[in-house]
Protein backbone atom coordinates (compact mmCIF):
# COMPACT_ATOMS: atom_id res chain seq x y z
CA GLY A 1 -145.22 65.43 -76.32
CA PRO A 2 -144.72 67.94 -73.17
CA PRO A 3 -145.29 71.53 -73.58
CA GLN A 4 -142.50 73.75 -74.86
CA THR A 5 -141.02 76.63 -72.95
CA ASN A 6 -139.19 79.70 -74.11
CA THR A 7 -136.08 79.12 -71.94
CA GLU A 8 -134.65 82.84 -72.94
CA SER A 9 -137.87 84.27 -71.06
CA LEU A 10 -136.61 82.35 -67.79
CA VAL A 11 -134.68 83.89 -64.72
CA PRO A 12 -132.31 82.39 -62.36
CA ALA A 13 -133.59 81.02 -59.27
CA THR A 14 -131.76 81.17 -55.77
CA LEU A 15 -132.68 78.93 -52.88
CA SER A 16 -131.33 77.44 -49.70
CA VAL A 17 -130.85 73.35 -49.70
CA GLU A 18 -129.52 71.70 -46.61
CA VAL A 19 -127.71 68.31 -47.81
CA THR A 20 -127.58 65.78 -44.90
CA ALA A 21 -124.45 63.54 -44.33
CA THR A 22 -127.17 60.31 -44.90
CA GLY A 23 -129.32 59.54 -47.62
CA ILE A 24 -130.04 61.52 -50.73
CA THR A 25 -131.45 65.00 -50.59
CA THR A 26 -134.11 65.86 -53.63
CA LYS A 27 -135.01 69.44 -54.34
CA ASP A 28 -137.27 70.42 -57.25
CA VAL A 29 -136.70 74.00 -58.33
CA THR A 30 -139.27 75.86 -60.38
CA LEU A 31 -137.94 78.76 -62.30
CA SER A 32 -139.96 82.04 -62.87
CA SER A 33 -140.49 83.87 -66.18
CA ALA A 34 -139.11 87.41 -66.64
CA ASN A 35 -141.61 90.45 -66.61
CA VAL A 36 -139.11 92.70 -68.21
CA THR A 37 -137.63 91.62 -71.47
CA GLY A 38 -135.45 93.19 -74.33
CA THR A 39 -132.37 93.45 -76.10
CA VAL A 40 -129.15 94.86 -75.59
CA GLU A 41 -127.50 96.70 -78.87
CA ALA A 42 -124.48 98.38 -79.85
CA PRO A 43 -124.54 101.90 -80.83
CA ASP A 44 -125.12 101.09 -84.51
CA GLY A 45 -128.30 98.82 -83.53
CA SER A 46 -126.49 95.27 -83.96
CA PRO A 47 -127.38 92.89 -81.11
CA ILE A 48 -124.70 92.64 -78.30
CA ALA A 49 -124.29 88.79 -77.05
CA ASN A 50 -122.66 88.48 -73.38
CA SER A 51 -123.68 91.99 -71.88
CA SER A 52 -124.34 92.02 -68.14
CA VAL A 53 -127.71 93.59 -67.50
CA ALA A 54 -128.37 94.70 -63.77
CA ALA A 55 -131.37 96.83 -62.30
CA LEU A 56 -130.91 99.66 -60.18
CA ASP A 57 -133.49 101.27 -57.87
CA SER A 58 -134.33 104.62 -59.54
CA SER A 59 -134.52 106.55 -56.15
CA THR A 60 -131.26 105.13 -54.48
CA HIS A 61 -129.26 103.99 -57.54
CA GLN A 62 -128.42 100.51 -55.59
CA PRO A 63 -128.55 97.32 -57.35
CA ILE A 64 -131.40 95.23 -56.91
CA GLN A 65 -129.70 92.06 -55.25
CA GLY A 66 -129.86 88.94 -57.18
CA VAL A 67 -131.40 90.68 -60.39
CA TYR A 68 -129.12 90.22 -63.25
CA ALA A 69 -129.16 88.80 -66.74
CA VAL A 70 -126.44 88.01 -69.28
CA SER A 71 -127.54 88.76 -73.01
CA GLY A 72 -128.05 85.94 -75.40
CA SER A 73 -126.24 85.41 -78.76
CA ASP A 74 -129.37 87.80 -80.35
CA GLY A 75 -128.97 90.35 -77.50
CA SER A 76 -132.01 89.31 -75.75
CA PHE A 77 -132.26 89.39 -71.97
CA GLY A 78 -134.89 88.83 -69.28
CA LEU A 79 -135.35 90.06 -65.82
CA GLU A 80 -137.98 89.43 -63.08
CA LEU A 81 -138.52 92.69 -61.03
CA PRO A 82 -141.28 93.59 -58.44
CA SER A 83 -143.40 96.68 -59.29
CA GLY A 84 -141.34 100.14 -59.10
CA SER A 85 -139.12 102.32 -61.15
CA TYR A 86 -135.71 101.03 -62.28
CA GLU A 87 -132.89 101.95 -64.25
CA LEU A 88 -131.56 99.06 -66.30
CA VAL A 89 -127.78 99.21 -66.93
CA ALA A 90 -126.14 97.06 -69.65
CA SER A 91 -122.61 96.66 -69.39
CA PRO A 92 -120.36 95.80 -72.58
CA PRO A 93 -119.08 92.05 -72.88
CA SER A 94 -115.56 91.50 -71.64
CA ASP A 95 -114.56 90.80 -75.21
CA ASP A 96 -115.83 94.14 -76.13
CA VAL A 97 -112.66 95.41 -77.95
CA ALA A 98 -114.46 98.30 -79.45
CA GLY A 99 -114.51 100.16 -76.00
CA TRP A 100 -118.28 100.86 -75.86
CA ALA A 101 -119.65 102.40 -72.65
CA GLN A 102 -122.62 101.32 -70.38
CA GLY A 103 -126.27 101.95 -71.54
CA THR A 104 -128.98 102.42 -69.47
CA LEU A 105 -132.76 102.66 -69.68
CA ASP A 106 -135.50 103.77 -67.27
CA VAL A 107 -138.28 101.42 -66.73
CA THR A 108 -141.51 101.36 -64.72
CA VAL A 109 -142.86 97.79 -63.72
CA GLY A 110 -146.61 97.48 -62.99
CA SER A 111 -148.82 94.63 -63.04
CA GLY A 112 -148.10 93.44 -66.65
CA ALA A 113 -144.91 92.71 -68.56
CA VAL A 114 -142.53 95.36 -69.75
CA THR A 115 -141.47 93.94 -73.09
CA ALA A 116 -139.48 95.04 -76.47
CA GLN A 117 -137.04 97.25 -74.11
CA VAL A 118 -133.96 98.14 -75.99
CA ILE A 119 -130.87 99.17 -74.14
CA LYS A 120 -128.04 100.56 -76.39
CA LEU A 121 -124.33 100.72 -75.13
CA ALA A 122 -123.20 104.24 -75.50
CA VAL A 123 -120.37 105.70 -77.52
CA PRO A 124 -117.89 106.65 -74.97
CA THR A 125 -116.77 110.09 -74.35
CA LEU A 126 -113.83 109.03 -72.45
CA THR A 127 -111.80 105.98 -74.13
CA GLY A 128 -108.34 104.52 -73.78
CA ARG A 129 -106.12 101.86 -73.04
CA VAL A 130 -104.89 100.32 -69.89
CA LEU A 131 -101.33 99.04 -70.17
CA SER A 132 -98.78 97.38 -68.25
CA PRO A 133 -96.16 99.71 -66.42
CA ASP A 134 -93.64 99.47 -69.32
CA GLY A 135 -96.52 100.18 -71.97
CA SER A 136 -95.92 97.11 -73.95
CA ALA A 137 -99.01 94.85 -73.05
CA PRO A 138 -102.63 95.73 -72.46
CA LEU A 139 -104.05 94.83 -69.12
CA PRO A 140 -107.66 93.13 -69.39
CA LYS A 141 -110.06 93.33 -66.64
CA ALA A 142 -108.46 96.34 -65.05
CA VAL A 143 -111.45 98.62 -63.74
CA VAL A 144 -111.55 102.29 -64.64
CA SER A 145 -113.52 104.33 -62.34
CA ALA A 146 -114.33 108.03 -62.94
CA THR A 147 -115.93 110.45 -60.35
CA MET A 148 -116.46 113.92 -61.13
CA ALA A 149 -114.02 116.34 -59.27
CA PRO A 150 -115.22 118.48 -56.64
CA SER A 151 -115.72 122.07 -57.91
CA GLY A 152 -114.78 124.46 -55.07
CA ALA A 153 -116.99 124.43 -52.04
CA SER A 154 -119.76 121.70 -51.99
CA GLY A 155 -123.19 123.11 -51.37
CA ALA A 156 -125.15 121.91 -48.24
CA GLY A 157 -126.60 118.75 -48.99
CA SER A 158 -125.25 118.00 -52.13
CA THR A 159 -124.85 114.31 -53.01
CA PRO A 160 -121.68 112.67 -54.30
CA THR A 161 -122.27 111.28 -57.62
CA PRO A 162 -121.53 107.56 -57.74
CA PRO A 163 -118.39 106.67 -59.69
CA GLU A 164 -118.81 105.39 -63.47
CA THR A 165 -116.96 102.28 -63.89
CA ALA A 166 -115.70 100.35 -67.09
CA THR A 167 -113.74 97.22 -67.27
CA ALA A 168 -110.70 96.90 -69.74
CA ALA A 169 -111.51 94.43 -72.74
CA SER A 170 -108.85 92.01 -73.88
CA ASN A 171 -106.96 94.78 -75.75
CA GLY A 172 -106.77 97.04 -72.74
CA VAL A 173 -109.70 99.35 -74.25
CA TYR A 174 -112.08 100.84 -71.86
CA GLY A 175 -115.01 103.49 -72.48
CA LEU A 176 -117.15 105.44 -70.25
CA ASP A 177 -119.60 107.78 -71.16
CA LEU A 178 -119.32 110.99 -69.17
CA PRO A 179 -120.91 114.33 -69.35
CA ALA A 180 -118.65 117.11 -69.56
CA GLY A 181 -116.63 118.03 -66.65
CA THR A 182 -113.52 117.33 -64.82
CA TYR A 183 -113.05 113.94 -63.21
CA ASN A 184 -110.83 112.03 -61.02
CA VAL A 185 -110.02 108.60 -62.73
CA THR A 186 -108.63 105.65 -60.81
CA VAL A 187 -107.49 102.57 -62.31
CA TYR A 188 -107.52 99.43 -60.35
CA PRO A 189 -105.15 96.48 -61.54
CA PRO A 190 -106.96 93.36 -62.74
CA THR A 191 -107.75 90.68 -59.97
CA ASN A 192 -107.71 87.00 -60.95
């Protein structure tokens, strides 16, 4: 029979296809294999399904466009990244009613595969619930954003820290893993 492919190590492909008004357009798509693989785990080590995993450039902290994965039922994920240094960020799944915070892991990609990476979601240092105006109902999918409050005069050349964000789960619970300090917290209502 045909050779078997481990589909969990494949990554999404994006391409441009022009479909004409006449005839049938045929376009074969070749998927790539992941060169960075691992699992997303809860703080207790249990696998986490449906966690979004993104890669940020280690120097700019900007997301690498088009590079993301969603962990499988066993917590596994795969990404295809060019050589370089990255911060992998795993976000809790939308049904994470425990309120875990994002987990991060620094990786360096060279010529070979980077395997068996474990990203643990964090126990939050700030947690709570987002509720309706009368306090009676949770507001899932609301986004909570925390930015460290300025401490007096900022020094020349100081760079503002990017905000940490969390999305409220179905029970309204959110969780952020923040270092000690004072924060400006903004909560954005859910969008459809």
